[in-house]
């Protein structure tokens, strides 16, 4: 049974479909397989890294950029304001 939603095949994060305690294997929808275990609790509706994300790298959700990593993020980590810098509304 899936516990994480992968919205687009190119996404670097998934969305928790329920609260995920630390140490929970990530099970994606649509039969997509990843070897990721949560490294910390991920609240319902929040993002979990599915791949290694380097500081300064674009974070992808919906198949589009949602921000830039403000530090290195390991697979299974919670992705939120503490490690993601939004580029929404930024001057281009």
PDB file of N, CA and C in Angstrom:
ATOM      1  N   UNK A   1       0.842  -1.186   0.000  1.00  0.00           N
ATOM      2  CA  UNK A   1       0.000   0.000   0.000  1.00  0.00           C
ATOM      3  C   UNK A   1       0.885   1.246   0.000  1.00  0.00           C
ATOM      4  N   UNK A   2       0.577   2.190  -0.856  1.00  0.00           N
ATOM      5  CA  UNK A   2       1.412   3.389  -0.955  1.00  0.00           C
ATOM      6  C   UNK A   2       1.184   4.324   0.230  1.00  0.00           C
ATOM      7  N   UNK A   3       2.263   5.021   0.615  1.00  0.00           N
ATOM      8  CA  UNK A   3       2.181   6.007   1.691  1.00  0.00           C
ATOM      9  C   UNK A   3       2.707   7.370   1.237  1.00  0.00           C
ATOM     10  N   UNK A   4       3.164   7.436  -0.014  1.00  0.00           N
ATOM     11  CA  UNK A   4       3.756   8.663  -0.556  1.00  0.00           C
ATOM     12  C   UNK A   4       3.318   8.833  -2.005  1.00  0.00           C
ATOM     13  N   UNK A   5       2.930  10.063  -2.343  1.00  0.00           N
ATOM     14  CA  UNK A   5       2.457  10.376  -3.686  1.00  0.00           C
ATOM     15  C   UNK A   5       3.582  10.950  -4.532  1.00  0.00           C
ATOM     16  N   UNK A   6       3.834  10.319  -5.667  1.00  0.00           N
ATOM     17  CA  UNK A   6       4.737  10.861  -6.681  1.00  0.00           C
ATOM     18  C   UNK A   6       3.843  11.502  -7.731  1.00  0.00           C
ATOM     19  N   UNK A   7       3.910  12.833  -7.847  1.00  0.00           N
ATOM     20  CA  UNK A   7       3.005  13.551  -8.742  1.00  0.00           C
ATOM     21  C   UNK A   7       3.475  13.477 -10.191  1.00  0.00           C
ATOM     22  N   UNK A   8       4.775  13.621 -10.405  1.00  0.00           N
ATOM     23  CA  UNK A   8       5.340  13.628 -11.763  1.00  0.00           C
ATOM     24  C   UNK A   8       6.601  12.780 -11.759  1.00  0.00           C
ATOM     25  N   UNK A   9       6.856  12.078 -12.829  1.00  0.00           N
ATOM     26  CA  UNK A   9       8.002  11.173 -12.920  1.00  0.00           C
ATOM     27  C   UNK A   9       9.334  11.888 -12.678  1.00  0.00           C
ATOM     28  N   UNK A  10       9.424  13.183 -12.961  1.00  0.00           N
ATOM     29  CA  UNK A  10      10.673  13.934 -12.775  1.00  0.00           C
ATOM     30  C   UNK A  10      10.835  14.527 -11.378  1.00  0.00           C
ATOM     31  N   UNK A  11       9.865  14.329 -10.484  1.00  0.00           N
ATOM     32  CA  UNK A  11       9.924  14.940  -9.153  1.00  0.00           C
ATOM     33  C   UNK A  11      11.067  14.381  -8.313  1.00  0.00           C
ATOM     34  N   UNK A  12      11.701  15.265  -7.547  1.00  0.00           N
ATOM     35  CA  UNK A  12      12.754  14.847  -6.614  1.00  0.00           C
ATOM     36  C   UNK A  12      12.196  14.660  -5.209  1.00  0.00           C
ATOM     37  N   UNK A  13      10.917  14.993  -5.016  1.00  0.00           N
ATOM     38  CA  UNK A  13      10.247  14.826  -3.729  1.00  0.00           C
ATOM     39  C   UNK A  13       8.914  14.130  -3.942  1.00  0.00           C
ATOM     40  N   UNK A  14       8.458  13.461  -2.886  1.00  0.00           N
ATOM     41  CA  UNK A  14       7.123  12.886  -2.860  1.00  0.00           C
ATOM     42  C   UNK A  14       6.345  13.545  -1.741  1.00  0.00           C
ATOM     43  N   UNK A  15       5.039  13.336  -1.709  1.00  0.00           N
ATOM     44  CA  UNK A  15       4.166  13.931  -0.703  1.00  0.00           C
ATOM     45  C   UNK A  15       3.615  12.820   0.191  1.00  0.00           C
ATOM     46  N   UNK A  16       3.798  12.980   1.500  1.00  0.00           N
ATOM     47  CA  UNK A  16       3.326  11.977   2.458  1.00  0.00           C
ATOM     48  C   UNK A  16       1.800  11.911   2.455  1.00  0.00           C
ATOM     49  N   UNK A  17       1.258  10.717   2.264  1.00  0.00           N
ATOM     50  CA  UNK A  17      -0.190  10.509   2.257  1.00  0.00           C
ATOM     51  C   UNK A  17      -0.738  10.261   3.656  1.00  0.00           C
ATOM     52  N   UNK A  18       0.151  10.161   4.616  1.00  0.00           N
ATOM     53  CA  UNK A  18      -0.193  10.038   6.043  1.00  0.00           C
ATOM     54  C   UNK A  18       1.053  10.428   6.816  1.00  0.00           C
ATOM     55  N   UNK A  19       0.949  10.596   8.122  1.00  0.00           N
ATOM     56  CA  UNK A  19       2.143  10.840   8.930  1.00  0.00           C
ATOM     57  C   UNK A  19       3.075   9.642   8.774  1.00  0.00           C
ATOM     58  N   UNK A  20       4.350   9.914   8.481  1.00  0.00           N
ATOM     59  CA  UNK A  20       5.340   8.846   8.311  1.00  0.00           C
ATOM     60  C   UNK A  20       6.375   8.957   9.423  1.00  0.00           C
ATOM     61  N   UNK A  21       6.387   8.018  10.366  1.00  0.00           N
ATOM     62  CA  UNK A  21       7.409   8.045  11.412  1.00  0.00           C
ATOM     63  C   UNK A  21       8.803   7.828  10.827  1.00  0.00           C
ATOM     64  N   UNK A  22       9.809   8.240  11.550  1.00  0.00           N
ATOM     65  CA  UNK A  22      11.191   7.976  11.156  1.00  0.00           C
ATOM     66  C   UNK A  22      11.379   6.469  10.999  1.00  0.00           C
ATOM     67  N   UNK A  23      12.094   6.065   9.954  1.00  0.00           N
ATOM     68  CA  UNK A  23      12.350   4.648   9.724  1.00  0.00           C
ATOM     69  C   UNK A  23      11.299   3.945   8.879  1.00  0.00           C
ATOM     70  N   UNK A  24      10.352   4.706   8.325  1.00  0.00           N
ATOM     71  CA  UNK A  24       9.302   4.128   7.485  1.00  0.00           C
ATOM     72  C   UNK A  24       9.792   3.972   6.044  1.00  0.00           C
ATOM     73  N   UNK A  25       9.687   2.777   5.461  1.00  0.00           N
ATOM     74  CA  UNK A  25      10.014   2.635   4.036  1.00  0.00           C
ATOM     75  C   UNK A  25       9.013   3.438   3.199  1.00  0.00           C
ATOM     76  N   UNK A  26       9.519   4.189   2.236  1.00  0.00           N
ATOM     77  CA  UNK A  26       8.664   4.983   1.354  1.00  0.00           C
ATOM     78  C   UNK A  26       8.098   4.061   0.276  1.00  0.00           C
ATOM     79  N   UNK A  27       6.767   4.039   0.168  1.00  0.00           N
ATOM     80  CA  UNK A  27       6.072   3.232  -0.839  1.00  0.00           C
ATOM     81  C   UNK A  27       5.274   4.179  -1.724  1.00  0.00           C
ATOM     82  N   UNK A  28       5.722   4.318  -2.967  1.00  0.00           N
ATOM     83  CA  UNK A  28       5.094   5.266  -3.891  1.00  0.00           C
ATOM     84  C   UNK A  28       3.862   4.684  -4.568  1.00  0.00           C
ATOM     85  N   UNK A  29       2.986   5.577  -5.019  1.00  0.00           N
ATOM     86  CA  UNK A  29       1.824   5.202  -5.817  1.00  0.00           C
ATOM     87  C   UNK A  29       2.272   4.736  -7.202  1.00  0.00           C
ATOM     88  N   UNK A  30       1.370   4.228  -7.958  1.00  0.00           N
ATOM     89  CA  UNK A  30       1.591   3.856  -9.364  1.00  0.00           C
ATOM     90  C   UNK A  30       2.688   2.816  -9.562  1.00  0.00           C
ATOM     91  N   UNK A  31       3.009   2.064  -8.510  1.00  0.00           N
ATOM     92  CA  UNK A  31       3.977   0.992  -8.651  1.00  0.00           C
ATOM     93  C   UNK A  31       5.418   1.428  -8.830  1.00  0.00           C
ATOM     94  N   UNK A  32       5.686   2.714  -8.697  1.00  0.00           N
ATOM     95  CA  UNK A  32       7.058   3.211  -8.808  1.00  0.00           C
ATOM     96  C   UNK A  32       7.846   2.754  -7.586  1.00  0.00           C
ATOM     97  N   UNK A  33       9.022   2.197  -7.800  1.00  0.00           N
ATOM     98  CA  UNK A  33       9.821   1.645  -6.709  1.00  0.00           C
ATOM     99  C   UNK A  33      10.992   2.565  -6.386  1.00  0.00           C
ATOM    100  N   UNK A  34      11.172   2.862  -5.104  1.00  0.00           N
ATOM    101  CA  UNK A  34      12.343   3.597  -4.625  1.00  0.00           C
ATOM    102  C   UNK A  34      12.860   2.887  -3.386  1.00  0.00           C
ATOM    103  N   UNK A  35      14.154   2.963  -3.167  1.00  0.00           N
ATOM    104  CA  UNK A  35      14.756   2.380  -1.974  1.00  0.00           C
ATOM    105  C   UNK A  35      15.064   3.521  -1.011  1.00  0.00           C
ATOM    106  N   UNK A  36      13.997   4.057  -0.399  1.00  0.00           N
ATOM    107  CA  UNK A  36      14.118   5.211   0.492  1.00  0.00           C
ATOM    108  C   UNK A  36      13.376   4.904   1.782  1.00  0.00           C
ATOM    109  N   UNK A  37      14.001   5.243   2.908  1.00  0.00           N
ATOM    110  CA  UNK A  37      13.396   5.130   4.227  1.00  0.00           C
ATOM    111  C   UNK A  37      13.455   6.505   4.874  1.00  0.00           C
ATOM    112  N   UNK A  38      12.375   6.903   5.534  1.00  0.00           N
ATOM    113  CA  UNK A  38      12.366   8.224   6.162  1.00  0.00           C
ATOM    114  C   UNK A  38      13.444   8.311   7.236  1.00  0.00           C
ATOM    115  N   UNK A  39      14.150   9.438   7.262  1.00  0.00           N
ATOM    116  CA  UNK A  39      15.225   9.670   8.230  1.00  0.00           C
ATOM    117  C   UNK A  39      14.728  10.439   9.448  1.00  0.00           C
ATOM    118  N   UNK A  40      13.515  10.960   9.341  1.00  0.00           N
ATOM    119  CA  UNK A  40      12.890  11.745  10.405  1.00  0.00           C
ATOM    120  C   UNK A  40      11.386  11.689  10.150  1.00  0.00           C
ATOM    121  N   UNK A  41      10.574  12.077  11.124  1.00  0.00           N
ATOM    122  CA  UNK A  41       9.129  12.061  10.882  1.00  0.00           C
ATOM    123  C   UNK A  41       8.755  13.018   9.747  1.00  0.00           C
ATOM    124  N   UNK A  42       7.855  12.571   8.881  1.00  0.00           N
ATOM    125  CA  UNK A  42       7.343  13.393   7.782  1.00  0.00           C
ATOM    126  C   UNK A  42       5.839  13.560   8.024  1.00  0.00           C
ATOM    127  N   UNK A  43       5.378  14.783   8.321  1.00  0.00           N
ATOM    128  CA  UNK A  43       3.944  14.984   8.558  1.00  0.00           C
ATOM    129  C   UNK A  43       3.114  14.782   7.287  1.00  0.00           C
ATOM    130  N   UNK A  44       1.863  14.396   7.472  1.00  0.00           N
ATOM    131  CA  UNK A  44       0.914  14.254   6.369  1.00  0.00           C
ATOM    132  C   UNK A  44       0.934  15.512   5.499  1.00  0.00           C
ATOM    133  N   UNK A  45       1.023  15.318   4.180  1.00  0.00           N
ATOM    134  CA  UNK A  45       0.986  16.432   3.241  1.00  0.00           C
ATOM    135  C   UNK A  45       2.314  17.121   3.009  1.00  0.00           C
ATOM    136  N   UNK A  46       3.351  16.724   3.758  1.00  0.00           N
ATOM    137  CA  UNK A  46       4.667  17.344   3.598  1.00  0.00           C
ATOM    138  C   UNK A  46       5.511  16.541   2.615  1.00  0.00           C
ATOM    139  N   UNK A  47       6.617  17.140   2.206  1.00  0.00           N
ATOM    140  CA  UNK A  47       7.489  16.545   1.187  1.00  0.00           C
ATOM    141  C   UNK A  47       8.608  15.720   1.816  1.00  0.00           C
ATOM    142  N   UNK A  48       8.949  14.625   1.140  1.00  0.00           N
ATOM    143  CA  UNK A  48      10.081  13.787   1.516  1.00  0.00           C
ATOM    144  C   UNK A  48      10.993  13.679   0.294  1.00  0.00           C
ATOM    145  N   UNK A  49      12.299  13.830   0.519  1.00  0.00           N
ATOM    146  CA  UNK A  49      13.261  13.712  -0.582  1.00  0.00           C
ATOM    147  C   UNK A  49      13.312  12.264  -1.055  1.00  0.00           C
ATOM    148  N   UNK A  50      13.262  12.081  -2.370  1.00  0.00           N
ATOM    149  CA  UNK A  50      13.320  10.745  -2.965  1.00  0.00           C
ATOM    150  C   UNK A  50      14.694  10.432  -3.538  1.00  0.00           C
ATOM    151  N   UNK A  51      15.488  11.463  -3.734  1.00  0.00           N
ATOM    152  CA  UNK A  51      16.834  11.342  -4.306  1.00  0.00           C
ATOM    153  C   UNK A  51      17.752  12.285  -3.537  1.00  0.00           C
ATOM    154  N   UNK A  52      19.075  12.099  -3.632  1.00  0.00           N
ATOM    155  CA  UNK A  52      19.981  13.081  -3.022  1.00  0.00           C
ATOM    156  C   UNK A  52      19.812  14.436  -3.724  1.00  0.00           C
ATOM    157  N   UNK A  53      19.719  15.496  -2.932  1.00  0.00           N
ATOM    158  CA  UNK A  53      19.573  16.848  -3.472  1.00  0.00           C
ATOM    159  C   UNK A  53      20.709  17.685  -2.891  1.00  0.00           C
ATOM    160  N   UNK A  54      21.547  18.229  -3.747  1.00  0.00           N
ATOM    161  CA  UNK A  54      22.701  19.022  -3.306  1.00  0.00           C
ATOM    162  C   UNK A  54      22.297  20.462  -3.027  1.00  0.00           C
ATOM    163  N   UNK A  55      23.042  21.094  -2.116  1.00  0.00           N
ATOM    164  CA  UNK A  55      22.822  22.511  -1.843  1.00  0.00           C
ATOM    165  C   UNK A  55      22.885  23.284  -3.160  1.00  0.00           C
ATOM    166  N   UNK A  56      21.913  24.167  -3.386  1.00  0.00           N
ATOM    167  CA  UNK A  56      21.858  24.962  -4.605  1.00  0.00           C
ATOM    168  C   UNK A  56      21.115  24.304  -5.751  1.00  0.00           C
ATOM    169  N   UNK A  57      20.789  23.024  -5.602  1.00  0.00           N
ATOM    170  CA  UNK A  57      20.092  22.292  -6.664  1.00  0.00           C
ATOM    171  C   UNK A  57      18.600  22.613  -6.639  1.00  0.00           C
ATOM    172  N   UNK A  58      17.985  22.606  -7.811  1.00  0.00           N
ATOM    173  CA  UNK A  58      16.544  22.819  -7.939  1.00  0.00           C
ATOM    174  C   UNK A  58      15.807  21.623  -7.340  1.00  0.00           C
ATOM    175  N   UNK A  59      14.752  21.899  -6.576  1.00  0.00           N
ATOM    176  CA  UNK A  59      13.877  20.863  -6.042  1.00  0.00           C
ATOM    177  C   UNK A  59      12.644  20.825  -6.938  1.00  0.00           C
ATOM    178  N   UNK A  60      12.285  19.618  -7.398  1.00  0.00           N
ATOM    179  CA  UNK A  60      11.224  19.468  -8.392  1.00  0.00           C
ATOM    180  C   UNK A  60      10.010  18.763  -7.791  1.00  0.00           C
ATOM    181  N   UNK A  61       8.840  19.396  -7.963  1.00  0.00           N
ATOM    182  CA  UNK A  61       7.537  18.832  -7.605  1.00  0.00           C
ATOM    183  C   UNK A  61       6.583  19.268  -8.712  1.00  0.00           C
ATOM    184  N   UNK A  62       5.624  18.445  -9.075  1.00  0.00           N
ATOM    185  CA  UNK A  62       4.719  18.716 -10.206  1.00  0.00           C
ATOM    186  C   UNK A  62       5.483  18.754 -11.528  1.00  0.00           C
ATOM    187  N   UNK A  63       6.704  18.238 -11.557  1.00  0.00           N
ATOM    188  CA  UNK A  63       7.527  18.291 -12.754  1.00  0.00           C
ATOM    189  C   UNK A  63       8.137  19.658 -13.001  1.00  0.00           C
ATOM    190  N   UNK A  64       8.066  20.539 -11.998  1.00  0.00           N
ATOM    191  CA  UNK A  64       8.579  21.905 -12.134  1.00  0.00           C
ATOM    192  C   UNK A  64       9.323  22.313 -10.864  1.00  0.00           C
ATOM    193  N   UNK A  65      10.158  23.327 -10.985  1.00  0.00           N
ATOM    194  CA  UNK A  65      10.913  23.828  -9.840  1.00  0.00           C
ATOM    195  C   UNK A  65       9.978  24.441  -8.801  1.00  0.00           C
ATOM    196  N   UNK A  66      10.185  24.056  -7.533  1.00  0.00           N
ATOM    197  CA  UNK A  66       9.452  24.693  -6.434  1.00  0.00           C
ATOM    198  C   UNK A  66      10.401  25.463  -5.532  1.00  0.00           C
ATOM    199  N   UNK A  67      11.697  25.370  -5.797  1.00  0.00           N
ATOM    200  CA  UNK A  67      12.671  26.085  -4.983  1.00  0.00           C
ATOM    201  C   UNK A  67      14.059  25.508  -5.145  1.00  0.00           C
ATOM    202  N   UNK A  68      14.951  26.019  -4.307  1.00  0.00           N
ATOM    203  CA  UNK A  68      16.361  25.639  -4.324  1.00  0.00           C
ATOM    204  C   UNK A  68      16.721  25.082  -2.947  1.00  0.00           C
ATOM    205  N   UNK A  69      17.497  24.015  -2.923  1.00  0.00           N
ATOM    206  CA  UNK A  69      17.946  23.443  -1.652  1.00  0.00           C
ATOM    207  C   UNK A  69      18.920  24.400  -0.972  1.00  0.00           C
ATOM    208  N   UNK A  70      18.638  24.757   0.279  1.00  0.00           N
ATOM    209  CA  UNK A  70      19.523  25.655   1.023  1.00  0.00           C
ATOM    210  C   UNK A  70      20.661  24.895   1.701  1.00  0.00           C
ATOM    211  N   UNK A  71      20.599  23.561   1.652  1.00  0.00           N
ATOM    212  CA  UNK A  71      21.665  22.687   2.154  1.00  0.00           C
ATOM    213  C   UNK A  71      21.509  21.339   1.475  1.00  0.00           C
ATOM    214  N   UNK A  72      22.484  20.464   1.642  1.00  0.00           N
ATOM    215  CA  UNK A  72      22.360  19.106   1.102  1.00  0.00           C
ATOM    216  C   UNK A  72      21.188  18.404   1.793  1.00  0.00           C
ATOM    217  N   UNK A  73      20.417  17.656   1.019  1.00  0.00           N
ATOM    218  CA  UNK A  73      19.260  16.923   1.536  1.00  0.00           C
ATOM    219  C   UNK A  73      19.396  15.468   1.098  1.00  0.00           C
ATOM    220  N   UNK A  74      19.381  14.566   2.060  1.00  0.00           N
ATOM    221  CA  UNK A  74      19.510  13.136   1.767  1.00  0.00           C
ATOM    222  C   UNK A  74      18.138  12.526   1.482  1.00  0.00           C
ATOM    223  N   UNK A  75      18.098  11.441   0.705  1.00  0.00           N
ATOM    224  CA  UNK A  75      16.831  10.738   0.504  1.00  0.00           C
ATOM    225  C   UNK A  75      16.229  10.351   1.855  1.00  0.00           C
ATOM    226  N   UNK A  76      14.927  10.565   1.996  1.00  0.00           N
ATOM    227  CA  UNK A  76      14.242  10.246   3.249  1.00  0.00           C
ATOM    228  C   UNK A  76      14.119  11.413   4.202  1.00  0.00           C
ATOM    229  N   UNK A  77      14.762  12.534   3.887  1.00  0.00           N
ATOM    230  CA  UNK A  77      14.652  13.714   4.751  1.00  0.00           C
ATOM    231  C   UNK A  77      13.398  14.515   4.432  1.00  0.00           C
ATOM    232  N   UNK A  78      12.898  15.196   5.454  1.00  0.00           N
ATOM    233  CA  UNK A  78      11.779  16.124   5.329  1.00  0.00           C
ATOM    234  C   UNK A  78      12.257  17.328   4.521  1.00  0.00           C
ATOM    235  N   UNK A  79      11.524  17.713   3.499  1.00  0.00           N
ATOM    236  CA  UNK A  79      11.854  18.883   2.685  1.00  0.00           C
ATOM    237  C   UNK A  79      10.811  19.949   2.997  1.00  0.00           C
ATOM    238  N   UNK A  80      11.281  21.060   3.571  1.00  0.00           N
ATOM    239  CA  UNK A  80      10.367  22.122   4.015  1.00  0.00           C
ATOM    240  C   UNK A  80      11.163  23.417   4.103  1.00  0.00           C
ATOM    241  N   UNK A  81      10.622  24.419   4.757  1.00  0.00           N
ATOM    242  CA  UNK A  81      11.245  25.750   4.792  1.00  0.00           C
ATOM    243  C   UNK A  81      12.643  25.758   5.416  1.00  0.00           C
ATOM    244  N   UNK A  82      12.975  24.764   6.218  1.00  0.00           N
ATOM    245  CA  UNK A  82      14.292  24.734   6.864  1.00  0.00           C
ATOM    246  C   UNK A  82      15.417  24.333   5.902  1.00  0.00           C
ATOM    247  N   UNK A  83      15.061  23.760   4.739  1.00  0.00           N
ATOM    248  CA  UNK A  83      16.095  23.344   3.790  1.00  0.00           C
ATOM    249  C   UNK A  83      15.720  23.631   2.330  1.00  0.00           C
ATOM    250  N   UNK A  84      14.674  24.412   2.126  1.00  0.00           N
ATOM    251  CA  UNK A  84      14.213  24.779   0.791  1.00  0.00           C
ATOM    252  C   UNK A  84      14.001  26.288   0.739  1.00  0.00           C
ATOM    253  N   UNK A  85      14.609  26.927  -0.237  1.00  0.00           N
ATOM    254  CA  UNK A  85      14.414  28.362  -0.442  1.00  0.00           C
ATOM    255  C   UNK A  85      13.489  28.526  -1.641  1.00  0.00           C
ATOM    256  N   UNK A  86      12.325  29.108  -1.403  1.00  0.00           N
ATOM    257  CA  UNK A  86      11.364  29.317  -2.483  1.00  0.00           C
ATOM    258  C   UNK A  86      11.883  30.349  -3.466  1.00  0.00           C
ATOM    259  N   UNK A  87      11.595  30.130  -4.728  1.00  0.00           N
ATOM    260  CA  UNK A  87      11.938  31.111  -5.760  1.00  0.00           C
ATOM    261  C   UNK A  87      10.663  31.736  -6.326  1.00  0.00           C
ATOM    262  N   UNK A  88       9.542  31.434  -5.703  1.00  0.00           N
ATOM    263  CA  UNK A  88       8.271  32.003  -6.147  1.00  0.00           C
ATOM    264  C   UNK A  88       8.309  33.519  -5.974  1.00  0.00           C
ATOM    265  N   UNK A  89       7.972  34.223  -7.003  1.00  0.00           N
ATOM    266  CA  UNK A  89       7.942  35.679  -6.944  1.00  0.00           C
ATOM    267  C   UNK A  89       9.305  36.338  -7.045  1.00  0.00           C
ATOM    268  N   UNK A  90      10.361  35.536  -7.205  1.00  0.00           N
ATOM    269  CA  UNK A  90      11.714  36.102  -7.305  1.00  0.00           C
ATOM    270  C   UNK A  90      11.885  36.794  -8.650  1.00  0.00           C
ATOM    271  N   UNK A  91      12.671  37.856  -8.642  1.00  0.00           N
ATOM    272  CA  UNK A  91      12.962  38.567  -9.894  1.00  0.00           C
ATOM    273  C   UNK A  91      13.726  37.644 -10.830  1.00  0.00           C
ATOM    274  N   UNK A  92      13.453  37.735 -12.098  1.00  0.00           N
ATOM    275  CA  UNK A  92      14.119  36.854 -13.063  1.00  0.00           C
ATOM    276  C   UNK A  92      15.162  37.582 -13.822  1.00  0.00           C
TER     277      UNK A  92
END
